[in-house]
Structures are given as C-alpha cells and as structure tokens.
C-alpha cells in the first residue's frame, strides 16, 4: 500500500476524510473535508459554513474560504471573492461577521477568477500564496 494512502485504510474500512454527523431522523450532514478544517484557537471552522453565508450576497459571483496560518492564533479564515461590477467586499465581510461571529473571515481577497484545477476544484493553497504576497 502506498504510504500516502495508508492513512485512509484502517480496521478494514476506507476513511474518506470527510467530517460528518448524524442529525434528526438519521440524516447525514457532511460538514467538510478534514484536510480543509481550520482551527482558530480552539474553534473548528469549515470553509463550507463561511461559503454558505456568503453565497447569494448581492454582486458575488464566486467565493472560496481558505486559511492563513498564524503562530499565535492558528488558522485565520480569509475569503477570496469574485464580484460583479459594483460589488462591495466590505459589506460582504460585515454580513459574514453578523452571522458567523468569530468564525467569520477576517479579510477578503478580491480576484478576477478563483484558481482551479482541471476538475474545477478551487486551489486553496494557491489562494493562501496569493494572500501571503499581498501587503
């Protein structure tokens, strides 16, 4: 077995790396991927919870949450956004703060398009590199 995949197999089971919980009536809620989970102090934050609040905001075309690491606080959530003309990123961040509290993104990164791989998946590491290069 390849070492990179060894962590996904154990006790005869395949562990996908998803974080999920059973809610009412046996429904399964998939919160996100374990690899994407951010830890801000002692608080666990899933990118999907931030993106769910941001989606549908007026003028927002696309968004993705990513983390910048801080030695003091752990993972700081940031939000990359693609907006239509007239989009107000500051208003979106205020909207997120009002609904998410400490889980809200600390800063926005406005881009013409989100970096994606050939399958269309957002490249969160590339977003962190772009944000790290900003003043």
C-alpha atoms as a PDB file:
ATOM      1  CA  UNK A   1       0.000   0.000   0.000  1.00  0.00           C
ATOM      2  CA  UNK A   2       1.340   3.436  -0.897  1.00  0.00           C
ATOM      3  CA  UNK A   3       2.264   5.422   2.225  1.00  0.00           C
ATOM      4  CA  UNK A   4       0.190   8.420   1.116  1.00  0.00           C
ATOM      5  CA  UNK A   5      -2.944   6.253   1.072  1.00  0.00           C
ATOM      6  CA  UNK A   6      -2.166   4.214   4.188  1.00  0.00           C
ATOM      7  CA  UNK A   7      -3.850   6.753   6.480  1.00  0.00           C
ATOM      8  CA  UNK A   8      -7.163   6.225   4.632  1.00  0.00           C
ATOM      9  CA  UNK A   9      -7.349   2.494   5.362  1.00  0.00           C
ATOM     10  CA  UNK A  10      -7.755   1.014   8.826  1.00  0.00           C
ATOM     11  CA  UNK A  11      -9.599  -1.812  10.555  1.00  0.00           C
ATOM     12  CA  UNK A  12     -10.991  -2.986   7.225  1.00  0.00           C
ATOM     13  CA  UNK A  13     -12.595   0.384   6.461  1.00  0.00           C
ATOM     14  CA  UNK A  14     -11.853   3.145   3.991  1.00  0.00           C
ATOM     15  CA  UNK A  15     -11.781   6.537   5.743  1.00  0.00           C
ATOM     16  CA  UNK A  16     -12.628   9.283   3.218  1.00  0.00           C
ATOM     17  CA  UNK A  17     -11.504  12.207   5.346  1.00  0.00           C
ATOM     18  CA  UNK A  18     -14.968  13.779   5.484  1.00  0.00           C
ATOM     19  CA  UNK A  19     -16.281  15.272   8.714  1.00  0.00           C
ATOM     20  CA  UNK A  20     -19.925  14.391   9.180  1.00  0.00           C
ATOM     21  CA  UNK A  21     -22.552  13.926  11.854  1.00  0.00           C
ATOM     22  CA  UNK A  22     -25.993  12.355  12.048  1.00  0.00           C
ATOM     23  CA  UNK A  23     -28.777  14.880  12.583  1.00  0.00           C
ATOM     24  CA  UNK A  24     -32.517  14.368  13.077  1.00  0.00           C
ATOM     25  CA  UNK A  25     -34.248  11.369  11.533  1.00  0.00           C
ATOM     26  CA  UNK A  26     -30.956   9.742  10.558  1.00  0.00           C
ATOM     27  CA  UNK A  27     -29.957  12.395   8.032  1.00  0.00           C
ATOM     28  CA  UNK A  28     -26.231  12.703   7.488  1.00  0.00           C
ATOM     29  CA  UNK A  29     -24.705  16.190   7.423  1.00  0.00           C
ATOM     30  CA  UNK A  30     -21.307  16.401   5.710  1.00  0.00           C
ATOM     31  CA  UNK A  31     -19.552  19.418   7.232  1.00  0.00           C
ATOM     32  CA  UNK A  32     -16.481  19.296   5.019  1.00  0.00           C
ATOM     33  CA  UNK A  33     -13.136  17.629   4.467  1.00  0.00           C
ATOM     34  CA  UNK A  34     -10.874  17.046   7.443  1.00  0.00           C
ATOM     35  CA  UNK A  35      -7.937  18.446   5.412  1.00  0.00           C
ATOM     36  CA  UNK A  36      -9.819  21.734   4.856  1.00  0.00           C
ATOM     37  CA  UNK A  37     -10.817  22.215   8.507  1.00  0.00           C
ATOM     38  CA  UNK A  38      -9.386  25.360  10.094  1.00  0.00           C
ATOM     39  CA  UNK A  39      -8.561  25.665  13.787  1.00  0.00           C
ATOM     40  CA  UNK A  40      -8.756  29.217  15.123  1.00  0.00           C
ATOM     41  CA  UNK A  41      -7.597  28.924  18.724  1.00  0.00           C
ATOM     42  CA  UNK A  42      -9.858  26.100  19.922  1.00  0.00           C
ATOM     43  CA  UNK A  43     -12.640  26.744  17.384  1.00  0.00           C
ATOM     44  CA  UNK A  44     -13.075  24.422  14.400  1.00  0.00           C
ATOM     45  CA  UNK A  45     -14.189  26.206  11.227  1.00  0.00           C
ATOM     46  CA  UNK A  46     -15.267  24.539   7.992  1.00  0.00           C
ATOM     47  CA  UNK A  47     -14.929  26.525   4.751  1.00  0.00           C
ATOM     48  CA  UNK A  48     -18.408  25.401   3.692  1.00  0.00           C
ATOM     49  CA  UNK A  49     -20.067  27.177   6.630  1.00  0.00           C
ATOM     50  CA  UNK A  50     -18.498  30.507   5.631  1.00  0.00           C
ATOM     51  CA  UNK A  51     -19.218  29.980   1.936  1.00  0.00           C
ATOM     52  CA  UNK A  52     -22.869  29.117   2.685  1.00  0.00           C
ATOM     53  CA  UNK A  53     -23.313  32.503   4.396  1.00  0.00           C
ATOM     54  CA  UNK A  54     -21.515  34.385   1.600  1.00  0.00           C
ATOM     55  CA  UNK A  55     -23.297  32.721  -1.334  1.00  0.00           C
ATOM     56  CA  UNK A  56     -26.232  34.694  -2.612  1.00  0.00           C
ATOM     57  CA  UNK A  57     -24.816  38.026  -1.416  1.00  0.00           C
ATOM     58  CA  UNK A  58     -25.651  40.735  -3.990  1.00  0.00           C
ATOM     59  CA  UNK A  59     -22.976  41.025  -6.667  1.00  0.00           C
ATOM     60  CA  UNK A  60     -20.984  37.976  -5.535  1.00  0.00           C
ATOM     61  CA  UNK A  61     -20.160  35.715  -8.478  1.00  0.00           C
ATOM     62  CA  UNK A  62     -17.881  33.183  -6.745  1.00  0.00           C
ATOM     63  CA  UNK A  63     -16.084  32.681  -3.448  1.00  0.00           C
ATOM     64  CA  UNK A  64     -13.810  30.302  -1.566  1.00  0.00           C
ATOM     65  CA  UNK A  65     -12.633  30.223   2.037  1.00  0.00           C
ATOM     66  CA  UNK A  66      -9.013  29.475   2.879  1.00  0.00           C
ATOM     67  CA  UNK A  67      -6.664  29.786   5.840  1.00  0.00           C
ATOM     68  CA  UNK A  68      -3.573  31.835   6.578  1.00  0.00           C
ATOM     69  CA  UNK A  69      -1.530  30.360   9.386  1.00  0.00           C
ATOM     70  CA  UNK A  70      -0.684  32.440  12.448  1.00  0.00           C
ATOM     71  CA  UNK A  71       1.746  31.268  15.133  1.00  0.00           C
ATOM     72  CA  UNK A  72      -0.408  32.966  17.751  1.00  0.00           C
ATOM     73  CA  UNK A  73      -3.956  32.100  16.655  1.00  0.00           C
ATOM     74  CA  UNK A  74      -3.666  29.082  14.358  1.00  0.00           C
ATOM     75  CA  UNK A  75      -5.654  29.242  11.120  1.00  0.00           C
ATOM     76  CA  UNK A  76      -7.072  32.657  10.243  1.00  0.00           C
ATOM     77  CA  UNK A  77     -10.074  32.342   7.883  1.00  0.00           C
ATOM     78  CA  UNK A  78      -9.986  34.534   4.768  1.00  0.00           C
ATOM     79  CA  UNK A  79     -12.441  34.741   1.890  1.00  0.00           C
ATOM     80  CA  UNK A  80     -11.462  35.011  -1.775  1.00  0.00           C
ATOM     81  CA  UNK A  81     -14.215  36.652  -3.796  1.00  0.00           C
ATOM     82  CA  UNK A  82     -15.064  37.281  -7.426  1.00  0.00           C
ATOM     83  CA  UNK A  83     -17.569  40.086  -7.740  1.00  0.00           C
ATOM     84  CA  UNK A  84     -19.625  41.713 -10.448  1.00  0.00           C
ATOM     85  CA  UNK A  85     -19.114  45.438 -11.133  1.00  0.00           C
ATOM     86  CA  UNK A  86     -20.153  47.438  -8.077  1.00  0.00           C
ATOM     87  CA  UNK A  87     -19.666  44.508  -5.679  1.00  0.00           C
ATOM     88  CA  UNK A  88     -18.961  45.664  -2.098  1.00  0.00           C
ATOM     89  CA  UNK A  89     -16.471  43.287  -0.436  1.00  0.00           C
ATOM     90  CA  UNK A  90     -16.512  45.234   2.854  1.00  0.00           C
ATOM     91  CA  UNK A  91     -20.301  44.826   3.061  1.00  0.00           C
ATOM     92  CA  UNK A  92     -19.930  41.081   2.449  1.00  0.00           C
ATOM     93  CA  UNK A  93     -17.409  40.778   5.294  1.00  0.00           C
ATOM     94  CA  UNK A  94     -19.771  42.707   7.597  1.00  0.00           C
ATOM     95  CA  UNK A  95     -22.612  40.377   6.514  1.00  0.00           C
ATOM     96  CA  UNK A  96     -20.456  37.357   7.414  1.00  0.00           C
ATOM     97  CA  UNK A  97     -19.421  38.850  10.782  1.00  0.00           C
ATOM     98  CA  UNK A  98     -23.060  39.481  11.706  1.00  0.00           C
ATOM     99  CA  UNK A  99     -23.978  35.851  11.014  1.00  0.00           C
ATOM    100  CA  UNK A 100     -20.812  33.937  11.929  1.00  0.00           C
ATOM    101  CA  UNK A 101     -19.227  35.920  14.769  1.00  0.00           C
ATOM    102  CA  UNK A 102     -15.685  34.655  15.456  1.00  0.00           C
ATOM    103  CA  UNK A 103     -15.990  32.155  12.579  1.00  0.00           C
ATOM    104  CA  UNK A 104     -16.243  34.994  10.039  1.00  0.00           C
ATOM    105  CA  UNK A 105     -13.399  35.633   7.591  1.00  0.00           C
ATOM    106  CA  UNK A 106     -11.003  38.310   8.815  1.00  0.00           C
ATOM    107  CA  UNK A 107     -10.180  39.677   5.385  1.00  0.00           C
ATOM    108  CA  UNK A 108     -11.285  39.456   1.783  1.00  0.00           C
ATOM    109  CA  UNK A 109      -9.156  38.828  -1.276  1.00  0.00           C
ATOM    110  CA  UNK A 110     -10.737  40.202  -4.464  1.00  0.00           C
ATOM    111  CA  UNK A 111      -9.744  38.319  -7.624  1.00  0.00           C
ATOM    112  CA  UNK A 112     -10.879  38.294 -11.257  1.00  0.00           C
ATOM    113  CA  UNK A 113     -11.274  34.474 -11.001  1.00  0.00           C
ATOM    114  CA  UNK A 114     -10.565  31.737  -8.462  1.00  0.00           C
ATOM    115  CA  UNK A 115      -7.643  29.408  -9.244  1.00  0.00           C
ATOM    116  CA  UNK A 116      -8.974  25.935 -10.091  1.00  0.00           C
ATOM    117  CA  UNK A 117      -7.529  22.608 -11.161  1.00  0.00           C
ATOM    118  CA  UNK A 118      -8.548  20.698 -14.303  1.00  0.00           C
ATOM    119  CA  UNK A 119     -11.536  19.193 -12.458  1.00  0.00           C
ATOM    120  CA  UNK A 120     -12.781  22.635 -11.374  1.00  0.00           C
ATOM    121  CA  UNK A 121     -11.801  22.292  -7.714  1.00  0.00           C
ATOM    122  CA  UNK A 122     -10.637  25.522  -6.037  1.00  0.00           C
ATOM    123  CA  UNK A 123      -6.908  25.516  -5.255  1.00  0.00           C
ATOM    124  CA  UNK A 124      -6.984  26.809  -1.676  1.00  0.00           C
ATOM    125  CA  UNK A 125      -3.191  26.629  -1.293  1.00  0.00           C
ATOM    126  CA  UNK A 126      -2.820  28.951  -4.279  1.00  0.00           C
ATOM    127  CA  UNK A 127      -5.229  31.384  -2.619  1.00  0.00           C
ATOM    128  CA  UNK A 128      -3.115  31.355   0.549  1.00  0.00           C
ATOM    129  CA  UNK A 129       0.006  32.036  -1.527  1.00  0.00           C
ATOM    130  CA  UNK A 130      -1.722  34.958  -3.288  1.00  0.00           C
ATOM    131  CA  UNK A 131      -2.885  36.410   0.030  1.00  0.00           C
ATOM    132  CA  UNK A 132       0.585  35.989   1.535  1.00  0.00           C
ATOM    133  CA  UNK A 133       2.070  38.024  -1.312  1.00  0.00           C
ATOM    134  CA  UNK A 134      -0.278  40.945  -0.610  1.00  0.00           C
ATOM    135  CA  UNK A 135       0.729  43.858   1.657  1.00  0.00           C
END
